[in-house]
Amino acid sequence: MRKTYPTDLSDQEWACLKTHLPASKPLGRLRTHTLRDIFDGIFYILRSGCPWRLLPHDFPPWPTVYYHFRKFRLSGVWHLVLKALHTAERKKVGKDPDASAAIIDSQSVKTTEEGAGSNGYDAHKHIKGRKRHLLVDTLGLPLSVYVTPANVQDRVGARCLLAGLGLSVPHLEKIWADGAYGGEEFARWCEEQGGWELEIVERNPQTKGFKVLPKRWIVERTFSWLIRNRRLSKDYERKVQTSETLVKVAAIRLILRRLARKA
C-alpha cells in the first residue's frame, strides 16, 4: 500500500465522486490501476504543479493518469461531474439547483513556452499569456469557463463564455460585472442572447484605498481559490482546452471537499 498524500481523496470524497462517474463497460478489460488512484494522481498534479512525467512512482504510471485525464476531457466526463457536484452543493446549502444570478470576470496569467502558440499581451495588466474568463454563481462555484489569449478584450471573451449558456443554466436572469463589460452593445447582446440583465458594479471614484465591492468580490475569491493549485498559478498547458479542464478539475476538488465536510 502506498503512502498517502494531502491531496488524496478521503473515503467520503471518493464515495461522493464515484456515484457521478460513468459505469464501466461490462465486457471491458480489467483495470490494472484503480480509478481512485488515478484521480489521486490527477489531483496531485493539480495541487503540486509538477509536470506529468514527474508524477511520483507510487501513483499509477504518468501515461495512464494522463490518458484518463484526457479521455475524461474528450468525453465530457469532467463537465458532467462538475455539473452534478455543483447541483449537489447548491442543494446542501438550501439554494435552487439552477442558479438565477451570476458574476463574470477574467484573470490574465502568464504562460510558458508550451503555450506560446496561443498567447497574447494584456496591456492593462502588463501580462503576456492567456486570459481565463469565468462565470460563477453566488457561492463562487464556476458555471462556465473559457480561456483565450490575454489580448482578447473582456467583452469579446464574455460572448464566447456565455454563448449557448441558456441550455446549461436555463434559469439565469442576472449577471454582475465590472466596468470592463460596460456599454450598451454588450448589455443588449446579453438581453438578446439569454434574457440576462447585466449590472455593472462600479467603484466609487471618491473611495480611497482598498474597498470590497458588492458581488464582484465573489468571483475574485474564486480566482484566489484556483491559484492555490500550483498548476494554475501559471498556464503551463499547450492547449487552451486543457487549461479550461484544469479549472473544472480544481472546482470539482473544491466541491468534493465541501460535500464531504457536510456529510
C-alpha atoms as a PDB file:
ATOM      1  CA  MET A   1       0.000   0.000   0.000  1.00  0.00           C
ATOM      2  CA  ARG A   2       1.435   3.380  -0.997  1.00  0.00           C
ATOM      3  CA  LYS A   3       1.947   6.317   1.316  1.00  0.00           C
ATOM      4  CA  THR A   4      -0.834   8.891   1.430  1.00  0.00           C
ATOM      5  CA  TYR A   5      -0.599  12.497   0.265  1.00  0.00           C
ATOM      6  CA  PRO A   6      -2.584  15.525   1.486  1.00  0.00           C
ATOM      7  CA  THR A   7      -4.151  15.724  -1.982  1.00  0.00           C
ATOM      8  CA  ASP A   8      -5.619  12.194  -1.806  1.00  0.00           C
ATOM      9  CA  LEU A   9      -9.372  11.725  -1.762  1.00  0.00           C
ATOM     10  CA  SER A  10     -10.863  10.721   1.569  1.00  0.00           C
ATOM     11  CA  ASP A  11     -13.271   7.797   1.728  1.00  0.00           C
ATOM     12  CA  GLN A  12     -16.224  10.208   1.900  1.00  0.00           C
ATOM     13  CA  GLU A  13     -14.947  12.252  -1.059  1.00  0.00           C
ATOM     14  CA  TRP A  14     -14.365   9.161  -3.175  1.00  0.00           C
ATOM     15  CA  ALA A  15     -17.826   7.802  -2.328  1.00  0.00           C
ATOM     16  CA  CYS A  16     -19.319  11.103  -3.492  1.00  0.00           C
ATOM     17  CA  LEU A  17     -17.233  11.242  -6.672  1.00  0.00           C
ATOM     18  CA  LYS A  18     -17.730   7.681  -7.884  1.00  0.00           C
ATOM     19  CA  THR A  19     -21.523   7.992  -7.827  1.00  0.00           C
ATOM     20  CA  HIS A  20     -21.236  10.547 -10.654  1.00  0.00           C
ATOM     21  CA  LEU A  21     -18.784   8.602 -12.833  1.00  0.00           C
ATOM     22  CA  PRO A  22     -19.966   6.650 -15.894  1.00  0.00           C
ATOM     23  CA  ALA A  23     -20.319   2.903 -15.362  1.00  0.00           C
ATOM     24  CA  SER A  24     -17.540   0.661 -16.666  1.00  0.00           C
ATOM     25  CA  LYS A  25     -18.224  -1.458 -19.704  1.00  0.00           C
ATOM     26  CA  PRO A  26     -19.294  -4.946 -18.536  1.00  0.00           C
ATOM     27  CA  LEU A  27     -17.118  -6.692 -21.142  1.00  0.00           C
ATOM     28  CA  GLY A  28     -14.193  -4.281 -20.927  1.00  0.00           C
ATOM     29  CA  ARG A  29     -10.659  -5.165 -19.892  1.00  0.00           C
ATOM     30  CA  LEU A  30      -9.997  -5.314 -16.162  1.00  0.00           C
ATOM     31  CA  ARG A  31      -8.210  -2.250 -14.806  1.00  0.00           C
ATOM     32  CA  THR A  32      -4.616  -2.589 -13.702  1.00  0.00           C
ATOM     33  CA  HIS A  33      -4.949   0.517 -11.528  1.00  0.00           C
ATOM     34  CA  THR A  34      -7.998   1.674  -9.622  1.00  0.00           C
ATOM     35  CA  LEU A  35      -9.840   4.801 -10.679  1.00  0.00           C
ATOM     36  CA  ARG A  36      -9.358   6.206  -7.202  1.00  0.00           C
ATOM     37  CA  ASP A  37      -5.553   6.041  -7.559  1.00  0.00           C
ATOM     38  CA  ILE A  38      -5.814   7.669 -10.976  1.00  0.00           C
ATOM     39  CA  PHE A  39      -7.903  10.541  -9.612  1.00  0.00           C
ATOM     40  CA  ASP A  40      -5.460  10.917  -6.720  1.00  0.00           C
ATOM     41  CA  GLY A  41      -2.674  11.271  -9.292  1.00  0.00           C
ATOM     42  CA  ILE A  42      -4.583  13.937 -11.220  1.00  0.00           C
ATOM     43  CA  PHE A  43      -5.316  15.906  -8.043  1.00  0.00           C
ATOM     44  CA  TYR A  44      -1.656  15.613  -7.027  1.00  0.00           C
ATOM     45  CA  ILE A  45      -0.580  17.112 -10.368  1.00  0.00           C
ATOM     46  CA  LEU A  46      -3.110  19.928  -9.966  1.00  0.00           C
ATOM     47  CA  ARG A  47      -2.148  20.873  -6.431  1.00  0.00           C
ATOM     48  CA  SER A  48       1.616  20.377  -6.590  1.00  0.00           C
ATOM     49  CA  GLY A  49       2.115  21.821 -10.080  1.00  0.00           C
ATOM     50  CA  CYS A  50       4.610  19.152 -11.122  1.00  0.00           C
ATOM     51  CA  PRO A  51       4.824  18.006 -14.782  1.00  0.00           C
ATOM     52  CA  TRP A  52       3.078  14.783 -15.721  1.00  0.00           C
ATOM     53  CA  ARG A  53       6.393  12.995 -16.175  1.00  0.00           C
ATOM     54  CA  LEU A  54       7.457  13.858 -12.614  1.00  0.00           C
ATOM     55  CA  LEU A  55       4.448  12.170 -11.002  1.00  0.00           C
ATOM     56  CA  PRO A  56       5.792  10.115  -8.043  1.00  0.00           C
ATOM     57  CA  HIS A  57       6.255   6.417  -8.741  1.00  0.00           C
ATOM     58  CA  ASP A  58       3.830   5.298  -6.037  1.00  0.00           C
ATOM     59  CA  PHE A  59       0.984   6.624  -8.207  1.00  0.00           C
ATOM     60  CA  PRO A  60      -0.027   4.769 -11.374  1.00  0.00           C
ATOM     61  CA  PRO A  61       2.351   5.455 -14.325  1.00  0.00           C
ATOM     62  CA  TRP A  62       2.010   9.005 -15.593  1.00  0.00           C
ATOM     63  CA  PRO A  63       0.902   7.950 -19.128  1.00  0.00           C
ATOM     64  CA  THR A  64      -2.009   6.063 -17.533  1.00  0.00           C
ATOM     65  CA  VAL A  65      -3.022   9.030 -15.375  1.00  0.00           C
ATOM     66  CA  TYR A  66      -2.745  11.450 -18.295  1.00  0.00           C
ATOM     67  CA  TYR A  67      -4.662   9.075 -20.592  1.00  0.00           C
ATOM     68  CA  HIS A  68      -7.649   9.091 -18.231  1.00  0.00           C
ATOM     69  CA  PHE A  69      -7.433  12.862 -17.707  1.00  0.00           C
ATOM     70  CA  ARG A  70      -7.534  13.426 -21.468  1.00  0.00           C
ATOM     71  CA  LYS A  71     -10.158  10.749 -22.058  1.00  0.00           C
ATOM     72  CA  PHE A  72     -12.469  12.367 -19.499  1.00  0.00           C
ATOM     73  CA  ARG A  73     -11.944  15.745 -21.192  1.00  0.00           C
ATOM     74  CA  LEU A  74     -12.776  14.483 -24.652  1.00  0.00           C
ATOM     75  CA  SER A  75     -15.813  12.501 -23.485  1.00  0.00           C
ATOM     76  CA  GLY A  76     -17.193  15.358 -21.370  1.00  0.00           C
ATOM     77  CA  VAL A  77     -16.948  13.472 -18.080  1.00  0.00           C
ATOM     78  CA  TRP A  78     -15.289  16.365 -16.247  1.00  0.00           C
ATOM     79  CA  HIS A  79     -18.085  18.710 -17.314  1.00  0.00           C
ATOM     80  CA  LEU A  80     -20.829  16.278 -16.284  1.00  0.00           C
ATOM     81  CA  VAL A  81     -19.220  15.547 -12.907  1.00  0.00           C
ATOM     82  CA  LEU A  82     -18.777  19.260 -12.172  1.00  0.00           C
ATOM     83  CA  LYS A  83     -22.394  19.976 -13.056  1.00  0.00           C
ATOM     84  CA  ALA A  84     -23.660  17.136 -10.835  1.00  0.00           C
ATOM     85  CA  LEU A  85     -21.489  18.152  -7.874  1.00  0.00           C
ATOM     86  CA  HIS A  86     -22.422  21.805  -8.339  1.00  0.00           C
ATOM     87  CA  THR A  87     -26.105  20.874  -8.141  1.00  0.00           C
ATOM     88  CA  ALA A  88     -25.485  18.757  -5.015  1.00  0.00           C
ATOM     89  CA  GLU A  89     -23.615  21.589  -3.278  1.00  0.00           C
ATOM     90  CA  ARG A  90     -26.342  24.140  -4.005  1.00  0.00           C
ATOM     91  CA  LYS A  91     -28.953  21.759  -2.612  1.00  0.00           C
ATOM     92  CA  LYS A  92     -26.806  21.236   0.504  1.00  0.00           C
ATOM     93  CA  VAL A  93     -26.835  24.942   1.319  1.00  0.00           C
ATOM     94  CA  GLY A  94     -30.539  25.319   0.573  1.00  0.00           C
ATOM     95  CA  LYS A  95     -30.322  27.028  -2.812  1.00  0.00           C
ATOM     96  CA  ASP A  96     -32.160  26.249  -6.014  1.00  0.00           C
ATOM     97  CA  PRO A  97     -30.117  23.786  -8.108  1.00  0.00           C
ATOM     98  CA  ASP A  98     -30.251  26.175 -11.084  1.00  0.00           C
ATOM     99  CA  ALA A  99     -28.553  29.500 -10.465  1.00  0.00           C
ATOM    100  CA  SER A 100     -30.546  32.636 -11.264  1.00  0.00           C
ATOM    101  CA  ALA A 101     -27.689  35.116 -10.705  1.00  0.00           C
ATOM    102  CA  ALA A 102     -24.002  35.046 -11.591  1.00  0.00           C
ATOM    103  CA  ILE A 103     -20.829  37.127 -11.642  1.00  0.00           C
ATOM    104  CA  ILE A 104     -18.426  37.395 -14.571  1.00  0.00           C
ATOM    105  CA  ASP A 105     -14.771  38.410 -14.664  1.00  0.00           C
ATOM    106  CA  SER A 106     -11.435  37.488 -16.205  1.00  0.00           C
ATOM    107  CA  GLN A 107      -7.927  36.742 -14.982  1.00  0.00           C
ATOM    108  CA  SER A 108      -4.758  37.110 -17.030  1.00  0.00           C
ATOM    109  CA  VAL A 109      -1.963  34.652 -16.244  1.00  0.00           C
ATOM    110  CA  LYS A 110       1.500  34.138 -17.644  1.00  0.00           C
ATOM    111  CA  THR A 111       2.285  31.189 -19.885  1.00  0.00           C
ATOM    112  CA  THR A 112       5.389  29.133 -20.548  1.00  0.00           C
ATOM    113  CA  GLU A 113       6.934  28.115 -23.854  1.00  0.00           C
ATOM    114  CA  GLU A 114       4.342  25.313 -24.115  1.00  0.00           C
ATOM    115  CA  GLY A 115       1.553  27.822 -24.698  1.00  0.00           C
ATOM    116  CA  ALA A 116       3.478  30.173 -26.965  1.00  0.00           C
ATOM    117  CA  GLY A 117       1.249  29.400 -29.920  1.00  0.00           C
ATOM    118  CA  SER A 118      -1.903  30.788 -28.298  1.00  0.00           C
ATOM    119  CA  ASN A 119      -0.917  33.641 -26.020  1.00  0.00           C
ATOM    120  CA  GLY A 120      -1.163  37.402 -26.203  1.00  0.00           C
ATOM    121  CA  TYR A 121      -0.279  40.572 -24.314  1.00  0.00           C
ATOM    122  CA  ASP A 122      -2.722  42.134 -21.858  1.00  0.00           C
ATOM    123  CA  ALA A 123      -1.720  45.802 -21.994  1.00  0.00           C
ATOM    124  CA  HIS A 124      -3.852  46.692 -18.956  1.00  0.00           C
ATOM    125  CA  LYS A 125      -2.349  44.046 -16.644  1.00  0.00           C
ATOM    126  CA  HIS A 126       1.066  44.043 -18.371  1.00  0.00           C
ATOM    127  CA  ILE A 127       0.951  40.261 -18.701  1.00  0.00           C
ATOM    128  CA  LYS A 128       1.911  38.157 -21.683  1.00  0.00           C
ATOM    129  CA  GLY A 129      -0.049  34.934 -21.603  1.00  0.00           C
ATOM    130  CA  ARG A 130      -3.643  33.783 -21.534  1.00  0.00           C
ATOM    131  CA  LYS A 131      -6.863  35.048 -20.031  1.00  0.00           C
ATOM    132  CA  ARG A 132      -9.334  32.940 -18.048  1.00  0.00           C
ATOM    133  CA  HIS A 133     -12.916  34.096 -18.450  1.00  0.00           C
ATOM    134  CA  LEU A 134     -15.072  32.839 -15.615  1.00  0.00           C
ATOM    135  CA  LEU A 135     -18.763  32.921 -14.739  1.00  0.00           C
ATOM    136  CA  VAL A 136     -19.598  31.897 -11.167  1.00  0.00           C
ATOM    137  CA  ASP A 137     -22.781  31.658  -9.130  1.00  0.00           C
ATOM    138  CA  THR A 138     -23.323  33.485  -5.834  1.00  0.00           C
ATOM    139  CA  LEU A 139     -21.455  30.695  -3.992  1.00  0.00           C
ATOM    140  CA  GLY A 140     -18.412  31.338  -6.143  1.00  0.00           C
ATOM    141  CA  LEU A 141     -18.677  27.999  -7.965  1.00  0.00           C
ATOM    142  CA  PRO A 142     -17.902  28.027 -11.721  1.00  0.00           C
ATOM    143  CA  LEU A 143     -20.784  27.840 -14.167  1.00  0.00           C
ATOM    144  CA  SER A 144     -18.709  28.353 -17.307  1.00  0.00           C
ATOM    145  CA  VAL A 145     -15.002  28.604 -18.174  1.00  0.00           C
ATOM    146  CA  TYR A 146     -13.354  29.891 -21.339  1.00  0.00           C
ATOM    147  CA  VAL A 147      -9.654  30.525 -21.986  1.00  0.00           C
ATOM    148  CA  THR A 148      -8.312  32.900 -24.658  1.00  0.00           C
ATOM    149  CA  PRO A 149      -5.074  34.715 -25.443  1.00  0.00           C
ATOM    150  CA  ALA A 150      -4.577  37.561 -22.962  1.00  0.00           C
ATOM    151  CA  ASN A 151      -5.033  40.249 -25.619  1.00  0.00           C
ATOM    152  CA  VAL A 152      -8.699  39.290 -26.147  1.00  0.00           C
ATOM    153  CA  GLN A 153     -10.915  42.062 -24.790  1.00  0.00           C
ATOM    154  CA  ASP A 154     -13.163  41.097 -21.870  1.00  0.00           C
ATOM    155  CA  ARG A 155     -16.437  41.751 -23.708  1.00  0.00           C
ATOM    156  CA  VAL A 156     -15.281  39.599 -26.647  1.00  0.00           C
ATOM    157  CA  GLY A 157     -14.262  36.758 -24.364  1.00  0.00           C
ATOM    158  CA  ALA A 158     -17.520  37.089 -22.451  1.00  0.00           C
ATOM    159  CA  ARG A 159     -19.547  36.442 -25.599  1.00  0.00           C
ATOM    160  CA  CYS A 160     -17.692  33.161 -26.106  1.00  0.00           C
ATOM    161  CA  LEU A 161     -18.106  32.332 -22.422  1.00  0.00           C
ATOM    162  CA  LEU A 162     -21.858  32.974 -22.419  1.00  0.00           C
ATOM    163  CA  ALA A 163     -22.719  31.608 -25.870  1.00  0.00           C
ATOM    164  CA  GLY A 164     -25.052  28.626 -25.507  1.00  0.00           C
ATOM    165  CA  LEU A 165     -25.236  29.022 -21.746  1.00  0.00           C
ATOM    166  CA  GLY A 166     -29.027  29.139 -21.804  1.00  0.00           C
ATOM    167  CA  LEU A 167     -29.170  25.341 -22.169  1.00  0.00           C
ATOM    168  CA  SER A 168     -26.968  24.542 -19.153  1.00  0.00           C
ATOM    169  CA  VAL A 169     -28.144  27.416 -16.904  1.00  0.00           C
ATOM    170  CA  PRO A 170     -31.741  27.923 -18.049  1.00  0.00           C
ATOM    171  CA  HIS A 171     -32.881  29.999 -15.051  1.00  0.00           C
ATOM    172  CA  LEU A 172     -30.110  32.586 -15.169  1.00  0.00           C
ATOM    173  CA  GLU A 173     -31.561  36.097 -15.042  1.00  0.00           C
ATOM    174  CA  LYS A 174     -28.885  38.491 -13.811  1.00  0.00           C
ATOM    175  CA  ILE A 175     -25.146  38.936 -14.306  1.00  0.00           C
ATOM    176  CA  TRP A 176     -22.922  41.268 -12.305  1.00  0.00           C
ATOM    177  CA  ALA A 177     -19.687  42.539 -13.860  1.00  0.00           C
ATOM    178  CA  ASP A 178     -17.059  45.246 -13.575  1.00  0.00           C
ATOM    179  CA  GLY A 179     -16.559  48.264 -15.801  1.00  0.00           C
ATOM    180  CA  ALA A 180     -14.671  46.286 -18.461  1.00  0.00           C
ATOM    181  CA  TYR A 181     -18.013  44.787 -19.517  1.00  0.00           C
ATOM    182  CA  GLY A 182     -19.812  48.123 -19.741  1.00  0.00           C
ATOM    183  CA  GLY A 183     -21.501  49.519 -22.811  1.00  0.00           C
ATOM    184  CA  GLU A 184     -24.968  49.342 -24.271  1.00  0.00           C
ATOM    185  CA  GLU A 185     -23.967  46.969 -27.063  1.00  0.00           C
ATOM    186  CA  PHE A 186     -22.840  44.160 -24.748  1.00  0.00           C
ATOM    187  CA  ALA A 187     -25.803  44.700 -22.409  1.00  0.00           C
ATOM    188  CA  ARG A 188     -28.148  44.460 -25.376  1.00  0.00           C
ATOM    189  CA  TRP A 189     -26.389  41.304 -26.576  1.00  0.00           C
ATOM    190  CA  CYS A 190     -26.897  39.697 -23.135  1.00  0.00           C
ATOM    191  CA  GLU A 191     -30.582  40.546 -23.257  1.00  0.00           C
ATOM    192  CA  GLU A 192     -30.999  39.128 -26.743  1.00  0.00           C
ATOM    193  CA  GLN A 193     -28.876  36.038 -26.135  1.00  0.00           C
ATOM    194  CA  GLY A 194     -30.491  34.774 -22.949  1.00  0.00           C
ATOM    195  CA  GLY A 195     -32.676  37.484 -21.446  1.00  0.00           C
ATOM    196  CA  TRP A 196     -29.929  38.259 -18.920  1.00  0.00           C
ATOM    197  CA  GLU A 197     -29.851  41.587 -17.118  1.00  0.00           C
ATOM    198  CA  LEU A 198     -26.300  42.932 -16.976  1.00  0.00           C
ATOM    199  CA  GLU A 199     -25.461  45.132 -13.991  1.00  0.00           C
ATOM    200  CA  ILE A 200     -22.111  46.908 -13.849  1.00  0.00           C
ATOM    201  CA  VAL A 201     -20.736  47.237 -10.307  1.00  0.00           C
ATOM    202  CA  GLU A 202     -18.562  50.341 -10.425  1.00  0.00           C
ATOM    203  CA  ARG A 203     -16.045  51.535  -7.868  1.00  0.00           C
ATOM    204  CA  ASN A 204     -16.877  54.923  -6.352  1.00  0.00           C
ATOM    205  CA  PRO A 205     -14.233  57.333  -7.709  1.00  0.00           C
ATOM    206  CA  GLN A 206     -14.184  59.164  -4.358  1.00  0.00           C
ATOM    207  CA  THR A 207     -13.252  55.999  -2.456  1.00  0.00           C
ATOM    208  CA  LYS A 208      -9.638  55.898  -1.288  1.00  0.00           C
ATOM    209  CA  GLY A 209      -7.696  52.715  -0.689  1.00  0.00           C
ATOM    210  CA  PHE A 210      -8.977  49.169  -0.925  1.00  0.00           C
ATOM    211  CA  LYS A 211     -12.693  48.520  -0.660  1.00  0.00           C
ATOM    212  CA  VAL A 212     -14.631  45.311  -1.213  1.00  0.00           C
ATOM    213  CA  LEU A 213     -17.175  45.825  -3.980  1.00  0.00           C
ATOM    214  CA  PRO A 214     -20.591  44.146  -3.734  1.00  0.00           C
ATOM    215  CA  LYS A 215     -20.904  40.882  -5.710  1.00  0.00           C
ATOM    216  CA  ARG A 216     -17.609  41.410  -7.547  1.00  0.00           C
ATOM    217  CA  TRP A 217     -15.626  40.061  -4.587  1.00  0.00           C
ATOM    218  CA  ILE A 218     -17.248  36.644  -5.104  1.00  0.00           C
ATOM    219  CA  VAL A 219     -15.551  35.939  -8.425  1.00  0.00           C
ATOM    220  CA  GLU A 220     -12.277  37.429  -7.170  1.00  0.00           C
ATOM    221  CA  ARG A 221     -12.382  34.954  -4.286  1.00  0.00           C
ATOM    222  CA  THR A 222     -12.899  32.142  -6.792  1.00  0.00           C
ATOM    223  CA  PHE A 223      -9.756  33.174  -8.676  1.00  0.00           C
ATOM    224  CA  SER A 224      -7.855  33.078  -5.371  1.00  0.00           C
ATOM    225  CA  TRP A 225      -9.189  29.558  -4.740  1.00  0.00           C
ATOM    226  CA  LEU A 226      -7.973  28.464  -8.155  1.00  0.00           C
ATOM    227  CA  ILE A 227      -4.412  29.718  -7.864  1.00  0.00           C
ATOM    228  CA  ARG A 228      -3.925  27.834  -4.606  1.00  0.00           C
ATOM    229  CA  ASN A 229      -3.345  24.996  -7.044  1.00  0.00           C
ATOM    230  CA  ARG A 230       0.187  25.471  -8.327  1.00  0.00           C
ATOM    231  CA  ARG A 231      -0.687  24.024 -11.715  1.00  0.00           C
ATOM    232  CA  LEU A 232      -2.945  27.077 -12.175  1.00  0.00           C
ATOM    233  CA  SER A 233      -0.503  29.708 -10.858  1.00  0.00           C
ATOM    234  CA  LYS A 234       0.625  29.960 -14.497  1.00  0.00           C
ATOM    235  CA  ASP A 235      -0.821  28.446 -17.626  1.00  0.00           C
ATOM    236  CA  TYR A 236       1.566  25.589 -18.339  1.00  0.00           C
ATOM    237  CA  GLU A 237      -0.654  23.884 -20.918  1.00  0.00           C
ATOM    238  CA  ARG A 238      -0.142  23.573 -24.651  1.00  0.00           C
ATOM    239  CA  LYS A 239      -3.857  23.672 -25.454  1.00  0.00           C
ATOM    240  CA  VAL A 240      -6.448  26.072 -24.077  1.00  0.00           C
ATOM    241  CA  GLN A 241      -8.891  23.141 -23.774  1.00  0.00           C
ATOM    242  CA  THR A 242      -6.553  21.559 -21.217  1.00  0.00           C
ATOM    243  CA  SER A 243      -6.389  24.866 -19.335  1.00  0.00           C
ATOM    244  CA  GLU A 244     -10.179  25.018 -19.161  1.00  0.00           C
ATOM    245  CA  THR A 245     -10.356  21.417 -17.980  1.00  0.00           C
ATOM    246  CA  LEU A 246      -7.901  22.002 -15.139  1.00  0.00           C
ATOM    247  CA  VAL A 247     -10.058  24.857 -13.863  1.00  0.00           C
ATOM    248  CA  LYS A 248     -13.012  22.442 -13.825  1.00  0.00           C
ATOM    249  CA  VAL A 249     -10.925  19.798 -12.039  1.00  0.00           C
ATOM    250  CA  ALA A 250      -9.954  22.376  -9.404  1.00  0.00           C
ATOM    251  CA  ALA A 251     -13.631  23.232  -8.908  1.00  0.00           C
ATOM    252  CA  ILE A 252     -14.512  19.524  -8.620  1.00  0.00           C
ATOM    253  CA  ARG A 253     -11.858  19.031  -5.924  1.00  0.00           C
ATOM    254  CA  LEU A 254     -13.132  22.055  -4.014  1.00  0.00           C
ATOM    255  CA  ILE A 255     -16.775  20.934  -4.097  1.00  0.00           C
ATOM    256  CA  LEU A 256     -15.875  17.362  -3.093  1.00  0.00           C
ATOM    257  CA  ARG A 257     -14.128  18.702  -0.015  1.00  0.00           C
ATOM    258  CA  ARG A 258     -17.184  20.765   0.877  1.00  0.00           C
ATOM    259  CA  LEU A 259     -19.646  17.947   0.378  1.00  0.00           C
ATOM    260  CA  ALA A 260     -17.580  15.502   2.425  1.00  0.00           C
ATOM    261  CA  ARG A 261     -17.233  18.012   5.242  1.00  0.00           C
ATOM    262  CA  LYS A 262     -21.003  18.437   5.454  1.00  0.00           C
ATOM    263  CA  ALA A 263     -21.841  14.739   5.127  1.00  0.00           C
END
